[in-house]
Amino acid sequence: MARQHEPDRSRLPVDACEHLCTKTMYMAMEDPDLLEESDAAPGAETASFWCALNQMPYGDDGLEVTPETCRPGRPCCIPRMHVPRA
């Protein structure tokens, strides 16, 4: 049986939307020196982001999907800090 990989959302801001996605969430990074100390994803300035709800680079509200824009106050945002974990 194949093991399911959980996306690593720790590279995104803690209050970013639960539906914000980027490729680096699915990459295994063993070397902590590769991670920046900021709360932005490494390489965020060149990264591609998409919304898990519609699989597009913009949200249901038509605005761009980024770690800076997918935050509380946006109508479609569900901050991951408020999502119960198993």
N, C-alpha and C. Protein backbone atom coordinates (compact mmCIF):
# COMPACT_ATOMS: atom_id res chain seq x y z
N MET A 1 0.84 -1.18 0.00
CA MET A 1 0.00 0.00 0.00
C MET A 1 0.89 1.24 0.00
N ALA A 2 0.62 2.17 -0.92
CA ALA A 2 1.42 3.39 -1.02
C ALA A 2 1.10 4.32 0.15
N ARG A 3 2.15 4.93 0.66
CA ARG A 3 1.98 5.87 1.76
C ARG A 3 1.62 7.24 1.20
N GLN A 4 0.60 7.88 1.78
CA GLN A 4 0.19 9.20 1.36
C GLN A 4 1.18 10.24 1.89
N HIS A 5 1.56 11.17 1.05
CA HIS A 5 2.45 12.25 1.47
C HIS A 5 1.62 13.44 1.90
N GLU A 6 1.88 13.93 3.09
CA GLU A 6 1.21 15.13 3.58
C GLU A 6 2.00 16.35 3.11
N PRO A 7 1.35 17.33 2.50
CA PRO A 7 2.07 18.53 2.09
C PRO A 7 2.67 19.24 3.29
N ASP A 8 3.85 19.80 3.13
CA ASP A 8 4.53 20.53 4.20
C ASP A 8 4.15 22.00 4.11
N ARG A 9 3.12 22.37 4.85
CA ARG A 9 2.64 23.75 4.85
C ARG A 9 3.46 24.65 5.78
N SER A 10 4.44 24.08 6.48
CA SER A 10 5.24 24.87 7.41
C SER A 10 6.09 25.91 6.68
N ARG A 11 6.26 25.76 5.39
CA ARG A 11 7.04 26.73 4.62
C ARG A 11 6.21 27.94 4.22
N LEU A 12 4.91 27.91 4.53
CA LEU A 12 4.01 29.03 4.23
C LEU A 12 3.69 29.77 5.53
N PRO A 13 3.26 31.03 5.44
CA PRO A 13 2.89 31.77 6.65
C PRO A 13 1.82 31.03 7.44
N VAL A 14 1.89 31.10 8.75
CA VAL A 14 0.97 30.34 9.61
C VAL A 14 -0.49 30.74 9.40
N ASP A 15 -0.74 31.97 9.00
CA ASP A 15 -2.13 32.39 8.79
C ASP A 15 -2.55 32.34 7.32
N ALA A 16 -1.70 31.73 6.48
CA ALA A 16 -2.06 31.59 5.06
C ALA A 16 -3.25 30.64 4.92
N CYS A 17 -3.97 30.78 3.84
CA CYS A 17 -5.15 29.96 3.59
C CYS A 17 -4.79 28.48 3.47
N GLU A 18 -5.62 27.65 4.00
CA GLU A 18 -5.46 26.20 3.93
C GLU A 18 -5.41 25.70 2.49
N HIS A 19 -5.98 26.44 1.56
CA HIS A 19 -6.08 26.01 0.18
C HIS A 19 -4.93 26.52 -0.70
N LEU A 20 -4.02 27.32 -0.13
CA LEU A 20 -2.86 27.83 -0.87
C LEU A 20 -1.88 26.69 -1.13
N CYS A 21 -1.47 26.51 -2.38
CA CYS A 21 -0.56 25.43 -2.74
C CYS A 21 0.62 25.95 -3.55
N THR A 22 1.75 25.26 -3.41
CA THR A 22 2.94 25.50 -4.22
C THR A 22 3.73 24.20 -4.29
N LYS A 23 4.56 24.06 -5.31
CA LYS A 23 5.31 22.81 -5.49
C LYS A 23 6.18 22.47 -4.28
N THR A 24 6.77 23.48 -3.65
CA THR A 24 7.70 23.20 -2.55
C THR A 24 7.02 22.52 -1.37
N MET A 25 5.69 22.58 -1.30
CA MET A 25 4.97 21.89 -0.23
C MET A 25 5.09 20.37 -0.37
N TYR A 26 5.37 19.93 -1.58
CA TYR A 26 5.40 18.50 -1.88
C TYR A 26 6.82 17.96 -2.04
N MET A 27 7.82 18.81 -1.77
CA MET A 27 9.21 18.41 -1.89
C MET A 27 9.77 18.08 -0.52
N ALA A 28 10.51 17.00 -0.43
CA ALA A 28 11.18 16.66 0.82
C ALA A 28 12.46 17.47 0.92
N MET A 29 12.60 18.21 2.01
CA MET A 29 13.81 19.00 2.23
C MET A 29 14.37 18.59 3.58
N GLU A 30 15.43 17.83 3.55
CA GLU A 30 16.05 17.33 4.77
C GLU A 30 17.01 18.34 5.38
N ASP A 31 17.59 19.22 4.56
CA ASP A 31 18.60 20.16 5.02
C ASP A 31 17.95 21.45 5.53
N PRO A 32 17.92 21.67 6.85
CA PRO A 32 17.27 22.87 7.39
C PRO A 32 17.96 24.15 6.94
N ASP A 33 19.22 24.08 6.50
CA ASP A 33 19.91 25.27 6.02
C ASP A 33 19.32 25.78 4.71
N LEU A 34 18.57 24.94 4.01
CA LEU A 34 17.95 25.36 2.76
C LEU A 34 16.70 26.21 3.00
N LEU A 35 16.16 26.15 4.20
CA LEU A 35 14.97 26.92 4.52
C LEU A 35 15.35 28.31 5.01
N GLU A 36 14.67 29.32 4.51
CA GLU A 36 14.93 30.68 4.96
C GLU A 36 14.29 30.89 6.32
N GLU A 37 14.77 31.87 7.04
CA GLU A 37 14.23 32.17 8.36
C GLU A 37 12.94 32.97 8.28
N SER A 38 12.64 33.57 7.13
CA SER A 38 11.41 34.35 7.02
C SER A 38 10.22 33.40 6.97
N ASP A 39 9.00 33.98 7.08
CA ASP A 39 7.82 33.11 7.05
C ASP A 39 7.32 32.92 5.62
N ALA A 40 8.07 33.37 4.63
CA ALA A 40 7.70 33.12 3.23
C ALA A 40 8.34 31.82 2.77
N ALA A 41 7.74 31.21 1.79
CA ALA A 41 8.30 29.98 1.23
C ALA A 41 9.62 30.27 0.54
N PRO A 42 10.60 29.35 0.65
CA PRO A 42 11.86 29.55 -0.07
C PRO A 42 11.60 29.72 -1.56
N GLY A 43 12.22 30.72 -2.17
CA GLY A 43 12.02 30.97 -3.58
C GLY A 43 10.66 31.54 -3.90
N ALA A 44 9.96 32.10 -2.89
CA ALA A 44 8.60 32.59 -3.09
C ALA A 44 8.52 33.62 -4.21
N GLU A 45 9.59 34.38 -4.43
CA GLU A 45 9.54 35.40 -5.47
C GLU A 45 9.45 34.78 -6.86
N THR A 46 9.85 33.53 -7.03
CA THR A 46 9.76 32.86 -8.34
C THR A 46 8.81 31.66 -8.31
N ALA A 47 8.23 31.37 -7.19
CA ALA A 47 7.36 30.20 -7.05
C ALA A 47 6.01 30.43 -7.74
N SER A 48 5.39 29.33 -8.12
CA SER A 48 4.03 29.36 -8.66
C SER A 48 3.09 28.89 -7.57
N PHE A 49 2.00 29.60 -7.40
CA PHE A 49 1.01 29.26 -6.39
C PHE A 49 -0.32 29.02 -7.06
N TRP A 50 -1.15 28.17 -6.44
CA TRP A 50 -2.50 27.93 -6.95
C TRP A 50 -3.42 27.63 -5.79
N CYS A 51 -4.71 27.75 -6.05
CA CYS A 51 -5.75 27.49 -5.05
C CYS A 51 -6.21 26.04 -5.21
N ALA A 52 -6.21 25.29 -4.13
CA ALA A 52 -6.64 23.90 -4.17
C ALA A 52 -8.13 23.76 -4.49
N LEU A 53 -8.91 24.81 -4.25
CA LEU A 53 -10.34 24.74 -4.51
C LEU A 53 -10.65 24.72 -6.01
N ASN A 54 -9.92 25.54 -6.78
CA ASN A 54 -10.22 25.61 -8.21
C ASN A 54 -9.03 25.26 -9.10
N GLN A 55 -7.88 24.94 -8.49
CA GLN A 55 -6.66 24.56 -9.23
C GLN A 55 -6.19 25.66 -10.18
N MET A 56 -6.43 26.92 -9.81
CA MET A 56 -6.06 28.05 -10.64
C MET A 56 -5.14 29.00 -9.87
N PRO A 57 -4.42 29.89 -10.56
CA PRO A 57 -3.53 30.85 -9.89
C PRO A 57 -4.27 32.06 -9.33
N TYR A 58 -5.59 31.98 -9.28
CA TYR A 58 -6.40 33.02 -8.66
C TYR A 58 -7.51 32.34 -7.87
N GLY A 59 -7.98 33.03 -6.84
CA GLY A 59 -9.01 32.47 -5.97
C GLY A 59 -10.41 32.63 -6.55
N ASP A 60 -11.38 32.13 -5.82
CA ASP A 60 -12.78 32.25 -6.24
C ASP A 60 -13.22 33.70 -6.36
N ASP A 61 -12.51 34.60 -5.66
CA ASP A 61 -12.83 36.01 -5.72
C ASP A 61 -12.15 36.72 -6.89
N GLY A 62 -11.38 35.99 -7.70
CA GLY A 62 -10.73 36.56 -8.87
C GLY A 62 -9.37 37.19 -8.61
N LEU A 63 -8.93 37.20 -7.36
CA LEU A 63 -7.65 37.81 -7.01
C LEU A 63 -6.53 36.78 -7.09
N GLU A 64 -5.31 37.28 -7.28
CA GLU A 64 -4.12 36.44 -7.39
C GLU A 64 -3.90 35.61 -6.12
N VAL A 65 -3.37 34.40 -6.31
CA VAL A 65 -3.07 33.49 -5.20
C VAL A 65 -1.58 33.60 -4.89
N THR A 66 -1.26 34.13 -3.70
CA THR A 66 0.12 34.26 -3.21
C THR A 66 0.10 34.14 -1.69
N PRO A 67 1.26 33.88 -1.06
CA PRO A 67 1.29 33.87 0.41
C PRO A 67 0.91 35.22 1.02
N GLU A 68 1.13 36.30 0.28
CA GLU A 68 0.79 37.63 0.80
C GLU A 68 -0.69 37.95 0.66
N THR A 69 -1.35 37.41 -0.37
CA THR A 69 -2.76 37.75 -0.60
C THR A 69 -3.74 36.75 0.00
N CYS A 70 -3.32 35.52 0.20
CA CYS A 70 -4.21 34.47 0.73
C CYS A 70 -4.13 34.46 2.26
N ARG A 71 -4.71 35.49 2.84
CA ARG A 71 -4.64 35.70 4.28
C ARG A 71 -6.03 36.05 4.83
N PRO A 72 -6.17 36.04 6.16
CA PRO A 72 -7.46 36.42 6.75
C PRO A 72 -7.93 37.78 6.23
N GLY A 73 -9.21 37.91 6.05
CA GLY A 73 -9.81 39.10 5.49
C GLY A 73 -10.26 38.89 4.06
N ARG A 74 -9.65 37.93 3.40
CA ARG A 74 -10.08 37.58 2.06
C ARG A 74 -11.29 36.66 2.20
N PRO A 75 -12.36 36.89 1.45
CA PRO A 75 -13.60 36.12 1.67
C PRO A 75 -13.46 34.61 1.55
N CYS A 76 -12.56 34.14 0.71
CA CYS A 76 -12.42 32.69 0.49
C CYS A 76 -11.36 32.06 1.40
N CYS A 77 -10.71 32.85 2.25
CA CYS A 77 -9.60 32.35 3.07
C CYS A 77 -10.06 31.54 4.29
N ILE A 78 -9.46 30.37 4.45
CA ILE A 78 -9.62 29.56 5.65
C ILE A 78 -8.21 29.43 6.23
N PRO A 79 -7.85 30.29 7.21
CA PRO A 79 -6.49 30.25 7.74
C PRO A 79 -6.16 28.87 8.31
N ARG A 80 -4.99 28.32 7.93
CA ARG A 80 -4.64 26.98 8.36
C ARG A 80 -4.47 26.89 9.87
N MET A 81 -4.22 28.01 10.54
CA MET A 81 -4.08 27.98 11.99
C MET A 81 -5.41 27.65 12.67
N HIS A 82 -6.53 27.78 11.93
CA HIS A 82 -7.85 27.49 12.48
C HIS A 82 -8.43 26.15 12.04
N VAL A 83 -7.66 25.41 11.23
CA VAL A 83 -8.12 24.10 10.74
C VAL A 83 -7.71 23.04 11.74
N PRO A 84 -8.69 22.28 12.28
CA PRO A 84 -8.33 21.22 13.25
C PRO A 84 -7.47 20.15 12.61
N ARG A 85 -6.48 19.69 13.33
CA ARG A 85 -5.58 18.65 12.86
C ARG A 85 -5.89 17.34 13.57
N ALA A 86 -5.72 16.26 12.83
CA ALA A 86 -5.99 14.92 13.42
C ALA A 86 -4.84 14.50 14.31
